[in-house]
Structures are given as structure tokens and as C-alpha cells.
């Protein structure tokens, strides 16, 4: 045997970790090799700038934690596979452990049974990473039985995924001490030593915020009815009315009419928040998201983008509500970018070197004034009269393209409520009562077709949206008179199917079709 071959073999270590690619978390092998030669620290494997900066963080963290750093060796770190982009500081911990393992200071058996991710401070403290939930979900999906070791806060987030052994640590020394070589067992049949790190436990979800109640809205009977139908079938809704008529109040109360999320939906929503810039908020776990971006938001802010690609508002609203107030004030490009996600329920962000897919099954509710001044068609109870010319009104409403409006299921007017009714009218029906009817309607849909009505494909709609003969005649006449597209026709049938479900009817009747047609009104003055 050539001299030095055994020493060279012990100078190579492999530590498993995971990258973040959209919502997926592919496995990454962190290979660390120590060799004789001029002292250097080389990091390869399509690493971003943040990853390359790990050299200085790891060097300082190991020294400050009292561990030997091989200053006199040539250090090469390879992040495999080489064609997968790597970003952020999640590889600091596996690189540090790989350097120690290459010096034969750690138990190789324990190291092989774990996956590591975490950013290191210069003092060796473990800092939270972005995307801890997708890491745990990927490990469960792939059936990996390895232990996932993360910073303490990130471990609490990942511990919400059942079936994955997640351990948390606050400092590099805790992880190293748990991986030190153990005394050999006394018998060959003795089980291998376990990892001496406590299992992570997710924090309790504290629901201390008071939900907004529909009873707070006085008047607006038709708008409340539309809100109930939208919640029962997952339909999109556009509220058009003068300033102060209650459009925003109604929109903010839609999320309180939606049933609770199941575990899978809650994890999917939390995983999207975990990879976003804002991060995951444990207090919001299990709650349907309500996103309300400002009208100055760009197309990238709405649909997602950047490098690496991150989810936008439509994905962060997945499983919940996306509220766009002052709809015509949004940039035209941003609004047009919503057209495809409204149909498909997902968005694909393509870049030259990579592609990311994010779910975007959100419920859109939008609000707008009918004209620039806001008082067009406000009625006798309005505070002011509209003075906008027809050309000004047409230009304002023309900011919303026909294809976008065609994709919004319900378009209704929200008139001004007289001051007398505002002061003397009794409180309306509570959200809890409406929610009970919504849950019953959704249960009927789940038993009949396995999804809510807004998700029905045309073939499924023909099977489950059966119309009575008289209802079909009314629908045909309305479609010809209003020159509806095929998309509009299908959306009216879905609406009518939801109205029938709220009424407990097996077939769509004429009254259901007539009510659904009323929710496809054109914009006032248009």
C-alpha cells in the first residue's frame, strides 16, 4: 500500500443537506476534502455569493467554538449535484461538520443518519433558515428516514410535518457534541447510539385575534348574499360602488365565512410562507391567508419572481383570499398577469437557468369605484353627484380588460346605504350562521364531485351541473342577448350550481339560474 493512502481516505467526508428550489427541496451532498498543499478554502458546485461567504463564517465559528480548523491544509468543498443552484446560508452547518468529520473528529455512523441545514454566526450560534417546512415535506415525500437537524426556531417550524424526526440546536457545539464518537457497544447486537439532541416540538397556535363579523355590516343585503355564494363555491367577486359604501368591510369578512383548513392545506400554505421573504408566522398556522397588496404592487410582486424565484401575493394567498382594493389603479401588466393563474390555480416562473412552480389556488375578491370621482350611479342617497364625462368613465373602466373581467365570476354593485339605515338598522346575520350554511353546501359538493364548484372542469360541469329544461331555456336566452363567451356561460352554470347547493336542491332550477345571471352585470355606465 502506498504511504499516506489511509490518511488521504480519512480526509474526505460527506454530509447530507438540502437546497431550496421553489417549493421543492432536492438533496445535496456536501463533500469536504482535506489535502496537503498551499493552504486554501475552495467552494464549488454552482454556489451563490451567499454560499461562498460561508468560508469566512465557518472559519470563525469553528475557531470561536473551540474546534480545530485546518489552517495548514487545502480545503475543497463540493456541493453536489453541481448543476443545481445553491443559495442562502443553509449550508454553513453541514460545511462546518464536514470539516470536522474530514479530520476524523465525528462519528461517521451518526453523521450518515442525519441531514443538516443552518446558518452560522461568527460565534457559532445557529440562525434560522428560510424554507424549513419544504425541507421536512421533501424528506417525508422521499421516504428518507434520516434525522433532520436544524436551528431551534426552524426545527419548531419543520416539526409540524408528521413522520419526520426533527431535532433542534442553538449552537454549533450542541451539534458537534451529539456527533462525537461513542464508546463501542459491548455486544455485536447492541443498537447504534442515538443522536443526543432533543426532538423539536411545534409551538401552539394561539388564536387571540378577533375575527371580523358580517353582522357589523348594515344593509347591503344583496352584497352579503353574493359573499355567501362566493364562500360556498369558491367564486371570485368584484364589488363596484361609491366610496364608503362598505366594499372593503365586506371583502375583509369573506375569510371568516370559509371553513377551516385541513392539515395538508395548512402545511401547503405554511410552506409557501416559509419560502417567502416575510417568512412563516407560527401564530398564523391553520388560518386561511388574507392578502391585500397595495395597488402600486408590480407584476412580480403579485405573481412572483426574482432570482432565485420566490412566490408572489397570489401564491401566498393559496387556500385563502386575495383582496385587490382600487382594482383599476393596479398596473395593467400586473392585472393581466392574473389571467392564467385564475384559470389554472398555479403559476410557473421561468428564468434562463431554472424554473419554479408555485400553487396559486386563491379566491379573488376585488373592489373598485365606478368612475374616477366614485359617484357614478350612486343614487339619491349619495353625498355627491358624478361629474365625469362618458369618455372619462370609459377610459377609467377600460383599465380592466375584457378577458380579465370575463374570468371574475360575480360582478355586483354595492350602493350607498342611507344614513337613517346606518344608524337605526339592526345588526345583520352573524358570520357563524352564514358559515354553517357554507359548510353544508361545501359538504354537498365534496360528496357529489370531490371539489368545490369553482374548480369543476367543463366535462365535470356537464356531469354535475344538470339544469332543468326551463332553466336551460332561460340560460340560452340570456347568453344570446348578452353575447356571453363560453367561459362566461360556464361560470354562470357554476354559480347556479352553488346557489342550488345552498338551497339543498339536487338540480339547478330556473330560480337558481336567474339569480346567477344577476351576478354577471356589466359595470355601471359601461
Protein backbone atom coordinates (compact mmCIF):
# COMPACT_ATOMS: atom_id res chain seq x y z
CA UNK A 1 0.00 0.00 0.00
CA UNK A 2 1.29 3.42 -0.91
CA UNK A 3 2.22 5.57 2.06
CA UNK A 4 -0.34 8.20 3.04
CA UNK A 5 -3.26 6.45 1.30
CA UNK A 6 -5.05 5.65 4.57
CA UNK A 7 -4.57 9.22 5.77
CA UNK A 8 -5.97 10.56 2.50
CA UNK A 9 -9.03 8.31 2.80
CA UNK A 10 -9.81 9.75 6.20
CA UNK A 11 -9.55 13.27 4.78
CA UNK A 12 -12.83 13.01 2.84
CA UNK A 13 -16.22 13.47 4.47
CA UNK A 14 -19.76 13.59 3.06
CA UNK A 15 -22.59 15.43 4.85
CA UNK A 16 -26.17 15.45 3.56
CA UNK A 17 -28.23 18.60 3.30
CA UNK A 18 -30.98 20.06 1.10
CA UNK A 19 -31.22 23.03 -1.24
CA UNK A 20 -34.32 25.10 -1.90
CA UNK A 21 -35.70 25.21 -5.45
CA UNK A 22 -39.10 26.89 -5.42
CA UNK A 23 -41.19 24.69 -3.12
CA UNK A 24 -39.05 21.60 -3.69
CA UNK A 25 -36.01 20.75 -1.58
CA UNK A 26 -33.67 18.44 -3.54
CA UNK A 27 -30.98 16.59 -1.63
CA UNK A 28 -27.45 18.00 -1.68
CA UNK A 29 -24.28 16.16 -0.71
CA UNK A 30 -21.68 18.40 0.91
CA UNK A 31 -18.32 16.79 0.15
CA UNK A 32 -15.34 18.10 2.11
CA UNK A 33 -11.79 17.08 1.21
CA UNK A 34 -8.62 17.98 3.08
CA UNK A 35 -5.29 17.68 1.24
CA UNK A 36 -1.70 18.75 1.66
CA UNK A 37 -0.53 21.78 -0.26
CA UNK A 38 -0.80 25.52 -0.11
CA UNK A 39 -3.47 26.50 2.47
CA UNK A 40 -6.74 27.43 0.76
CA UNK A 41 -10.51 27.13 1.12
CA UNK A 42 -12.29 26.45 -2.21
CA UNK A 43 -16.05 26.06 -2.54
CA UNK A 44 -17.52 24.67 -5.81
CA UNK A 45 -20.89 23.39 -7.01
CA UNK A 46 -22.81 26.35 -8.54
CA UNK A 47 -22.83 28.23 -5.25
CA UNK A 48 -24.35 31.69 -4.95
CA UNK A 49 -22.48 34.57 -3.32
CA UNK A 50 -24.22 33.92 0.00
CA UNK A 51 -22.98 30.32 -0.05
CA UNK A 52 -19.42 31.30 -0.95
CA UNK A 53 -19.35 33.67 2.01
CA UNK A 54 -19.78 30.58 4.20
CA UNK A 55 -15.99 30.15 4.13
CA UNK A 56 -15.48 33.09 6.48
CA UNK A 57 -18.46 32.28 8.70
CA UNK A 58 -17.41 28.65 9.09
CA UNK A 59 -13.78 29.54 9.79
CA UNK A 60 -14.72 31.99 12.54
CA UNK A 61 -17.48 29.79 14.01
CA UNK A 62 -15.19 26.77 14.38
CA UNK A 63 -12.40 28.81 15.93
CA UNK A 64 -14.69 30.68 18.35
CA UNK A 65 -16.35 27.40 19.38
CA UNK A 66 -13.02 25.85 20.35
CA UNK A 67 -12.70 23.36 17.46
CA UNK A 68 -9.65 22.75 15.33
CA UNK A 69 -9.68 24.44 11.96
CA UNK A 70 -7.11 23.01 9.47
CA UNK A 71 -5.38 26.28 8.61
CA UNK A 72 -2.45 24.43 7.09
CA UNK A 73 -4.48 22.22 4.72
CA UNK A 74 -6.01 22.66 1.29
CA UNK A 75 -9.80 22.55 1.84
CA UNK A 76 -12.13 21.77 -1.05
CA UNK A 77 -15.90 21.76 -0.56
CA UNK A 78 -18.13 20.43 -3.34
CA UNK A 79 -21.92 20.88 -3.27
CA UNK A 80 -23.35 18.08 -5.42
CA UNK A 81 -25.14 17.90 -7.79
CA UNK A 82 -23.09 20.57 -9.49
CA UNK A 83 -25.85 21.78 -11.84
CA UNK A 84 -28.30 22.64 -9.04
CA UNK A 85 -28.14 26.30 -7.93
CA UNK A 86 -27.47 26.77 -4.20
CA UNK A 87 -28.33 29.94 -2.28
CA UNK A 88 -28.55 31.34 1.26
CA UNK A 89 -26.52 30.36 4.32
CA UNK A 90 -28.21 27.00 4.91
CA UNK A 91 -25.00 25.11 4.07
CA UNK A 92 -22.89 26.69 6.83
CA UNK A 93 -23.64 23.94 9.35
CA UNK A 94 -23.02 20.95 7.02
CA UNK A 95 -19.77 22.53 5.76
CA UNK A 96 -18.52 23.04 9.32
CA UNK A 97 -19.43 19.47 10.26
CA UNK A 98 -17.79 18.17 7.09
CA UNK A 99 -14.51 19.88 8.00
CA UNK A 100 -14.56 18.27 11.45
CA UNK A 101 -15.54 14.88 10.02
CA UNK A 102 -12.71 15.02 7.48
CA UNK A 103 -10.36 15.32 10.44
CA UNK A 104 -11.94 12.15 11.89
CA UNK A 105 -13.39 14.04 14.87
CA UNK A 106 -17.04 12.96 14.43
CA UNK A 107 -18.90 9.65 14.42
CA UNK A 108 -19.35 8.77 10.74
CA UNK A 109 -22.26 6.42 11.52
CA UNK A 110 -24.27 9.13 13.27
CA UNK A 111 -23.35 11.64 10.57
CA UNK A 112 -24.72 9.36 7.83
CA UNK A 113 -28.06 9.06 9.61
CA UNK A 114 -28.73 12.83 9.58
CA UNK A 115 -29.40 15.76 7.29
CA UNK A 116 -28.24 19.22 8.33
CA UNK A 117 -29.11 22.80 7.42
CA UNK A 118 -28.41 26.02 9.26
CA UNK A 119 -26.67 29.36 9.08
CA UNK A 120 -23.81 30.07 11.48
CA UNK A 121 -22.92 33.27 13.21
CA UNK A 122 -19.26 34.15 13.73
CA UNK A 123 -19.63 32.95 17.33
CA UNK A 124 -21.10 29.59 16.29
CA UNK A 125 -24.76 30.30 17.02
CA UNK A 126 -27.29 28.69 14.71
CA UNK A 127 -29.58 31.14 12.95
CA UNK A 128 -32.97 30.27 11.37
CA UNK A 129 -33.14 29.43 7.69
CA UNK A 130 -35.78 30.10 5.07
CA UNK A 131 -37.87 27.15 3.89
CA UNK A 132 -37.66 24.75 6.84
CA UNK A 133 -41.14 23.38 6.11
CA UNK A 134 -40.36 22.46 2.47
CA UNK A 135 -37.25 20.65 3.71
CA UNK A 136 -39.29 18.48 6.05
CA UNK A 137 -42.01 17.92 3.45
CA UNK A 138 -39.42 16.81 0.89
CA UNK A 139 -37.85 14.40 3.38
CA UNK A 140 -41.25 12.85 4.10
CA UNK A 141 -42.21 12.70 0.43
CA UNK A 142 -38.97 10.90 -0.49
CA UNK A 143 -39.31 8.49 2.41
CA UNK A 144 -35.95 9.46 3.88
CA UNK A 145 -35.54 8.05 7.38
CA UNK A 146 -32.68 10.34 8.30
CA UNK A 147 -32.87 12.78 11.20
CA UNK A 148 -33.29 16.42 10.18
CA UNK A 149 -31.08 18.73 12.30
CA UNK A 150 -31.95 22.42 12.09
CA UNK A 151 -31.62 25.62 14.14
CA UNK A 152 -34.04 25.58 17.06
CA UNK A 153 -36.59 28.04 15.60
CA UNK A 154 -36.53 26.39 12.18
CA UNK A 155 -36.85 22.97 13.82
CA UNK A 156 -40.08 24.05 15.55
CA UNK A 157 -41.43 25.07 12.15
CA UNK A 158 -40.40 21.78 10.47
CA UNK A 159 -41.77 19.71 13.37
CA UNK A 160 -45.30 20.38 12.12
CA UNK A 161 -44.69 17.74 9.44
CA UNK A 162 -45.67 14.34 10.81
CA UNK A 163 -43.42 11.37 10.13
CA UNK A 164 -40.12 13.28 10.15
CA UNK A 165 -37.66 13.15 13.06
CA UNK A 166 -36.63 16.78 13.54
CA UNK A 167 -34.01 17.87 16.09
CA UNK A 168 -33.14 21.43 17.01
CA UNK A 169 -29.96 23.08 18.29
CA UNK A 170 -28.99 26.62 19.22
CA UNK A 171 -25.21 26.40 18.86
CA UNK A 172 -22.65 24.54 16.81
CA UNK A 173 -21.20 22.97 19.94
CA UNK A 174 -24.52 21.20 20.68
CA UNK A 175 -24.48 19.50 17.28
CA UNK A 176 -20.81 18.55 17.49
CA UNK A 177 -21.16 17.09 20.99
CA UNK A 178 -24.08 14.97 19.78
CA UNK A 179 -21.92 13.62 16.91
CA UNK A 180 -18.77 12.80 18.87
CA UNK A 181 -17.60 9.18 18.60
CA UNK A 182 -19.30 6.95 21.16
CA UNK A 183 -17.80 4.04 23.07
CA UNK A 184 -18.16 0.80 21.08
CA UNK A 185 -21.09 -1.43 22.18
CA UNK A 186 -20.32 -4.39 24.39
CA UNK A 187 -22.12 -6.85 22.11
CA UNK A 188 -22.36 -7.02 18.32
CA UNK A 189 -26.16 -7.00 18.54
CA UNK A 190 -26.30 -3.75 20.53
CA UNK A 191 -28.21 -0.97 18.70
CA UNK A 192 -26.26 2.02 17.40
CA UNK A 193 -26.09 5.05 19.62
CA UNK A 194 -28.79 7.66 19.08
CA UNK A 195 -28.37 11.34 18.37
CA UNK A 196 -28.27 13.20 21.67
CA UNK A 197 -30.44 16.14 20.60
CA UNK A 198 -33.97 16.73 21.83
CA UNK A 199 -36.83 16.35 19.37
CA UNK A 200 -38.36 19.58 18.16
CA UNK A 201 -41.95 20.33 19.13
CA UNK A 202 -44.06 22.86 17.19
CA UNK A 203 -45.29 25.82 19.23
CA UNK A 204 -49.04 26.01 19.94
CA UNK A 205 -51.11 28.04 17.51
CA UNK A 206 -52.54 30.89 19.56
CA UNK A 207 -55.69 32.38 18.06
CA UNK A 208 -56.01 35.62 20.00
CA UNK A 209 -57.22 37.89 17.19
CA UNK A 210 -60.92 38.64 16.92
CA UNK A 211 -62.31 37.71 13.52
CA UNK A 212 -64.31 40.32 11.67
CA UNK A 213 -68.03 39.56 11.76
CA UNK A 214 -70.50 40.05 8.95
CA UNK A 215 -73.00 41.39 11.47
CA UNK A 216 -71.02 44.64 11.56
CA UNK A 217 -72.15 45.50 8.01
CA UNK A 218 -75.50 47.31 7.98
CA UNK A 219 -77.71 46.94 4.93
CA UNK A 220 -76.16 45.61 1.70
CA UNK A 221 -78.41 42.55 1.60
CA UNK A 222 -77.52 41.63 -1.98
CA UNK A 223 -73.79 42.06 -1.40
CA UNK A 224 -73.94 39.81 1.68
CA UNK A 225 -75.80 37.20 -0.34
CA UNK A 226 -73.13 37.38 -3.03
CA UNK A 227 -70.45 36.99 -0.38
CA UNK A 228 -72.14 33.84 0.94
CA UNK A 229 -72.34 32.35 -2.55
CA UNK A 230 -68.71 33.21 -3.21
CA UNK A 231 -67.65 31.47 0.00
CA UNK A 232 -69.81 28.39 -0.67
CA UNK A 233 -68.43 27.76 -4.16
CA UNK A 234 -65.02 29.44 -4.08
CA UNK A 235 -66.07 32.02 -6.67
CA UNK A 236 -64.28 35.29 -7.46
CA UNK A 237 -66.14 38.52 -6.79
CA UNK A 238 -65.91 42.14 -7.94
CA UNK A 239 -67.62 44.81 -5.80
CA UNK A 240 -68.40 48.08 -7.58
CA UNK A 241 -69.70 51.08 -5.68
CA UNK A 242 -69.12 54.64 -4.48
CA UNK A 243 -66.67 55.50 -1.69
CA UNK A 244 -67.76 54.44 1.77
CA UNK A 245 -70.44 52.01 0.65
CA UNK A 246 -68.84 49.10 2.52
CA UNK A 247 -66.86 47.30 -0.17
CA UNK A 248 -63.72 46.85 1.94
CA UNK A 249 -65.74 45.82 5.00
CA UNK A 250 -67.44 43.09 3.01
CA UNK A 251 -64.21 41.86 1.46
CA UNK A 252 -62.41 41.65 4.81
CA UNK A 253 -65.18 39.43 6.18
CA UNK A 254 -65.04 36.82 3.43
CA UNK A 255 -62.24 34.86 5.10
CA UNK A 256 -64.47 34.45 8.18
CA UNK A 257 -67.06 32.65 6.03
CA UNK A 258 -64.61 29.99 4.81
CA UNK A 259 -64.30 26.58 6.52
CA UNK A 260 -61.14 25.72 8.43
CA UNK A 261 -58.19 24.33 6.51
CA UNK A 262 -57.27 20.66 6.81
CA UNK A 263 -53.72 19.63 7.75
CA UNK A 264 -52.49 19.22 4.17
CA UNK A 265 -53.86 22.60 3.07
CA UNK A 266 -52.45 24.28 6.18
CA UNK A 267 -49.00 22.80 5.52
CA UNK A 268 -49.12 23.86 1.85
CA UNK A 269 -49.99 27.42 2.84
CA UNK A 270 -47.34 27.50 5.56
CA UNK A 271 -44.69 26.12 3.18
CA UNK A 272 -45.32 28.98 0.76
CA UNK A 273 -44.98 31.49 3.59
CA UNK A 274 -41.80 29.73 4.71
CA UNK A 275 -40.01 30.31 1.39
CA UNK A 276 -41.22 33.90 1.05
CA UNK A 277 -39.33 36.99 2.11
CA UNK A 278 -41.57 37.60 5.12
CA UNK A 279 -41.16 34.07 6.45
CA UNK A 280 -43.52 31.78 8.32
CA UNK A 281 -45.53 33.09 11.28
CA UNK A 282 -46.38 30.27 13.69
CA UNK A 283 -49.36 32.21 15.04
CA UNK A 284 -50.99 32.09 11.59
CA UNK A 285 -50.70 28.33 11.10
CA UNK A 286 -54.02 26.77 10.12
CA UNK A 287 -55.67 30.11 9.32
CA UNK A 288 -56.75 30.89 5.80
CA UNK A 289 -54.46 33.62 4.45
CA UNK A 290 -55.86 37.04 3.58
CA UNK A 291 -53.54 39.03 1.36
CA UNK A 292 -54.26 42.65 0.48
CA UNK A 293 -51.40 44.19 -1.56
CA UNK A 294 -51.33 47.92 -2.25
CA UNK A 295 -52.42 49.00 -5.71
CA UNK A 296 -48.85 50.09 -6.52
CA UNK A 297 -47.73 46.41 -6.48
CA UNK A 298 -45.87 45.28 -9.59
CA UNK A 299 -46.49 42.16 -11.66
CA UNK A 300 -43.53 40.44 -9.97
CA UNK A 301 -44.93 41.27 -6.53
CA UNK A 302 -48.28 39.74 -7.49
CA UNK A 303 -47.29 36.58 -9.37
CA UNK A 304 -43.75 36.06 -8.01
CA UNK A 305 -40.29 36.22 -9.48
CA UNK A 306 -36.78 37.31 -8.62
CA UNK A 307 -33.59 35.30 -8.57
CA UNK A 308 -33.96 32.80 -7.08
CA UNK A 309 -37.73 32.78 -7.83
CA UNK A 310 -39.96 33.40 -4.84
CA UNK A 311 -43.75 33.25 -4.55
CA UNK A 312 -45.85 36.36 -5.07
CA UNK A 313 -49.09 37.52 -3.48
CA UNK A 314 -51.25 35.11 -5.46
CA UNK A 315 -49.28 32.13 -4.13
CA UNK A 316 -49.13 33.49 -0.58
CA UNK A 317 -52.95 33.67 -0.80
CA UNK A 318 -53.12 29.97 -1.79
CA UNK A 319 -56.04 28.40 0.04
CA UNK A 320 -57.30 31.81 1.15
CA UNK A 321 -58.37 35.22 -0.15
CA UNK A 322 -56.58 37.76 -2.34
CA UNK A 323 -58.19 41.19 -1.95
CA UNK A 324 -57.37 43.82 -4.56
CA UNK A 325 -58.79 47.18 -3.50
CA UNK A 326 -58.95 50.01 -6.04
CA UNK A 327 -58.65 47.46 -8.83
CA UNK A 328 -58.30 49.89 -11.79
CA UNK A 329 -55.38 51.60 -10.04
CA UNK A 330 -53.18 48.49 -10.32
CA UNK A 331 -50.70 48.49 -13.21
CA UNK A 332 -52.23 46.98 -16.33
CA UNK A 333 -49.38 44.49 -16.67
CA UNK A 334 -49.91 43.27 -13.11
CA UNK A 335 -53.63 42.69 -13.63
CA UNK A 336 -53.14 40.87 -16.93
CA UNK A 337 -50.68 38.54 -15.20
CA UNK A 338 -53.57 37.25 -13.07
CA UNK A 339 -55.49 35.82 -16.01
CA UNK A 340 -53.73 32.46 -16.30
CA UNK A 341 -53.46 31.73 -12.54
CA UNK A 342 -57.18 32.43 -12.16
CA UNK A 343 -57.83 29.60 -14.61
CA UNK A 344 -55.13 27.06 -13.72
CA UNK A 345 -54.59 27.61 -10.00
CA UNK A 346 -50.81 27.64 -10.35
CA UNK A 347 -48.02 29.85 -11.67
CA UNK A 348 -44.77 28.90 -13.40
CA UNK A 349 -41.86 31.33 -13.14
CA UNK A 350 -39.30 30.70 -15.87
CA UNK A 351 -35.78 32.03 -15.93
CA UNK A 352 -32.87 31.29 -18.25
CA UNK A 353 -31.26 28.80 -15.86
CA UNK A 354 -34.19 27.48 -13.84
CA UNK A 355 -37.95 27.17 -13.48
CA UNK A 356 -40.10 27.30 -10.38
CA UNK A 357 -43.70 26.18 -9.90
CA UNK A 358 -45.92 27.61 -7.16
CA UNK A 359 -49.56 26.79 -6.41
CA UNK A 360 -51.95 29.75 -6.66
CA UNK A 361 -55.44 28.43 -5.93
CA UNK A 362 -56.69 31.64 -4.35
CA UNK A 363 -60.13 33.25 -4.12
CA UNK A 364 -60.10 36.70 -5.69
CA UNK A 365 -62.24 39.50 -4.32
CA UNK A 366 -61.78 42.96 -5.79
CA UNK A 367 -63.28 46.38 -5.18
CA UNK A 368 -63.46 49.47 -7.35
CA UNK A 369 -65.24 52.76 -7.84
CA UNK A 370 -67.40 53.04 -10.98
CA UNK A 371 -65.61 56.20 -12.14
CA UNK A 372 -62.66 58.42 -11.12
CA UNK A 373 -64.75 60.51 -8.74
CA UNK A 374 -66.56 57.44 -7.49
CA UNK A 375 -70.16 58.71 -7.57
CA UNK A 376 -71.45 57.34 -10.86
CA UNK A 377 -74.87 55.73 -10.31
CA UNK A 378 -74.66 56.28 -6.55
CA UNK A 379 -78.37 57.15 -6.32
CA UNK A 380 -80.30 59.79 -4.37
CA UNK A 381 -78.64 58.96 -1.05
CA UNK A 382 -75.14 59.76 -2.29
CA UNK A 383 -73.17 62.60 -0.77
CA UNK A 384 -72.16 63.95 -4.18
CA UNK A 385 -73.20 63.74 -7.82
CA UNK A 386 -70.94 62.35 -10.55
CA UNK A 387 -69.47 64.93 -12.92
CA UNK A 388 -67.34 62.58 -15.00
CA UNK A 389 -67.96 62.66 -18.73
CA UNK A 390 -68.77 59.40 -20.57
CA UNK A 391 -65.29 59.43 -22.14
CA UNK A 392 -63.61 59.73 -18.74
CA UNK A 393 -65.75 56.90 -17.37
CA UNK A 394 -64.98 54.71 -20.38
CA UNK A 395 -61.23 55.30 -20.06
CA UNK A 396 -61.33 54.54 -16.32
CA UNK A 397 -63.29 51.32 -16.68
CA UNK A 398 -61.21 50.43 -19.73
CA UNK A 399 -58.22 49.87 -17.45
CA UNK A 400 -59.80 46.48 -16.78
CA UNK A 401 -59.58 44.32 -19.88
CA UNK A 402 -62.49 42.23 -21.10
CA UNK A 403 -60.60 38.92 -20.69
CA UNK A 404 -59.87 39.74 -17.03
CA UNK A 405 -63.49 40.69 -16.26
CA UNK A 406 -64.62 37.55 -18.06
CA UNK A 407 -62.69 35.49 -15.52
CA UNK A 408 -64.37 37.09 -12.48
CA UNK A 409 -67.43 35.02 -11.60
CA UNK A 410 -69.54 37.66 -9.87
CA UNK A 411 -69.73 41.40 -10.57
CA UNK A 412 -72.20 43.30 -8.41
CA UNK A 413 -72.97 46.87 -7.42
CA UNK A 414 -72.67 48.00 -3.80
CA UNK A 415 -74.88 51.11 -3.47
CA UNK A 416 -74.69 53.79 -0.80
CA UNK A 417 -76.61 52.95 2.39
CA UNK A 418 -78.85 55.81 3.60
CA UNK A 419 -77.73 57.45 6.84
CA UNK A 420 -81.01 56.51 8.55
CA UNK A 421 -80.45 52.82 7.84
CA UNK A 422 -76.86 53.05 9.02
CA UNK A 423 -77.98 54.44 12.39
CA UNK A 424 -81.20 52.52 13.05
CA UNK A 425 -80.91 49.22 11.18
CA UNK A 426 -80.41 46.18 13.42
CA UNK A 427 -77.25 44.13 13.25
CA UNK A 428 -77.14 41.71 10.37
CA UNK A 429 -76.73 37.95 10.39
CA UNK A 430 -73.58 36.78 12.15
CA UNK A 431 -70.74 35.17 10.25
CA UNK A 432 -71.15 31.96 12.27
CA UNK A 433 -74.66 31.41 10.89
CA UNK A 434 -73.54 32.02 7.32
CA UNK A 435 -70.50 29.78 7.84
CA UNK A 436 -72.77 26.91 8.88
CA UNK A 437 -74.65 27.12 5.58
CA UNK A 438 -71.39 27.42 3.65
CA UNK A 439 -70.02 24.27 5.29
CA UNK A 440 -73.19 22.33 4.43
CA UNK A 441 -73.02 23.46 0.80
CA UNK A 442 -69.34 22.51 0.52
CA UNK A 443 -70.05 19.11 2.04
CA UNK A 444 -72.66 18.50 -0.67
CA UNK A 445 -70.11 19.44 -3.32
CA UNK A 446 -67.46 17.18 -1.81
CA UNK A 447 -69.82 14.20 -1.71
CA UNK A 448 -71.02 14.79 -5.28
CA UNK A 449 -67.81 15.67 -7.13
CA UNK A 450 -64.89 15.78 -4.67
CA UNK A 451 -64.15 19.51 -5.10
CA UNK A 452 -65.83 22.88 -4.84
CA UNK A 453 -67.85 24.15 -7.80
CA UNK A 454 -65.34 26.79 -8.94
CA UNK A 455 -62.79 24.01 -9.58
CA UNK A 456 -65.06 21.99 -11.88
CA UNK A 457 -63.66 21.32 -15.34
CA UNK A 458 -66.07 21.71 -18.30
CA UNK A 459 -66.56 17.94 -18.59
CA UNK A 460 -67.29 17.64 -14.87
CA UNK A 461 -69.61 20.65 -15.05
CA UNK A 462 -71.67 18.93 -17.74
CA UNK A 463 -71.96 15.88 -15.49
CA UNK A 464 -72.74 17.54 -12.15
CA UNK A 465 -74.31 20.87 -13.20
CA UNK A 466 -77.53 19.36 -14.57
CA UNK A 467 -80.11 22.03 -15.48
CA UNK A 468 -83.85 21.63 -15.65
CA UNK A 469 -85.35 22.24 -19.11
CA UNK A 470 -86.87 25.58 -18.14
CA UNK A 471 -83.60 26.72 -16.52
CA UNK A 472 -81.66 25.80 -19.65
CA UNK A 473 -84.05 27.83 -21.81
CA UNK A 474 -83.58 30.91 -19.60
CA UNK A 475 -79.80 30.49 -19.73
CA UNK A 476 -79.74 30.16 -23.52
CA UNK A 477 -81.82 33.31 -23.96
CA UNK A 478 -79.61 35.33 -21.59
CA UNK A 479 -76.40 34.09 -23.23
CA UNK A 480 -77.62 35.13 -26.69
CA UNK A 481 -78.91 38.51 -25.55
CA UNK A 482 -75.74 39.38 -23.57
CA UNK A 483 -73.31 37.80 -26.07
CA UNK A 484 -71.55 35.72 -23.45
CA UNK A 485 -68.40 33.79 -24.18
CA UNK A 486 -68.14 30.10 -23.45
CA UNK A 487 -66.19 30.94 -20.31
CA UNK A 488 -68.95 33.27 -19.05
CA UNK A 489 -71.56 30.61 -19.75
CA UNK A 490 -69.67 28.02 -17.71
CA UNK A 491 -69.16 30.45 -14.85
CA UNK A 492 -72.89 31.20 -14.66
CA UNK A 493 -73.63 27.47 -14.52
CA UNK A 494 -71.10 27.04 -11.70
CA UNK A 495 -72.70 29.94 -9.83
CA UNK A 496 -76.16 28.46 -10.27
CA UNK A 497 -74.88 25.08 -9.08
CA UNK A 498 -73.59 26.75 -5.89
CA UNK A 499 -76.90 28.56 -5.34
CA UNK A 500 -78.68 25.22 -5.70
CA UNK A 501 -76.31 23.64 -3.18
CA UNK A 502 -77.08 26.39 -0.67
CA UNK A 503 -80.77 25.67 -1.19
CA UNK A 504 -80.23 21.92 -0.86
CA UNK A 505 -81.50 21.16 -4.38
CA UNK A 506 -80.17 18.26 -6.44
CA UNK A 507 -80.90 20.01 -9.78
CA UNK A 508 -80.32 23.55 -10.96
CA UNK A 509 -83.70 25.22 -11.24
CA UNK A 510 -84.87 28.33 -13.05
CA UNK A 511 -84.70 30.49 -9.92
CA UNK A 512 -81.07 29.48 -9.40
CA UNK A 513 -80.15 30.38 -12.99
CA UNK A 514 -82.00 33.70 -12.77
CA UNK A 515 -80.15 34.68 -9.61
CA UNK A 516 -76.80 33.65 -11.10
CA UNK A 517 -77.44 35.82 -14.17
CA UNK A 518 -77.97 38.84 -11.90
CA UNK A 519 -74.41 38.47 -10.62
CA UNK A 520 -72.92 38.92 -14.11
CA UNK A 521 -73.92 42.55 -14.56
CA UNK A 522 -71.85 44.93 -16.63
CA UNK A 523 -70.12 47.87 -14.99
CA UNK A 524 -72.43 50.86 -14.41
CA UNK A 525 -72.17 53.38 -17.22
CA UNK A 526 -70.17 50.91 -19.31
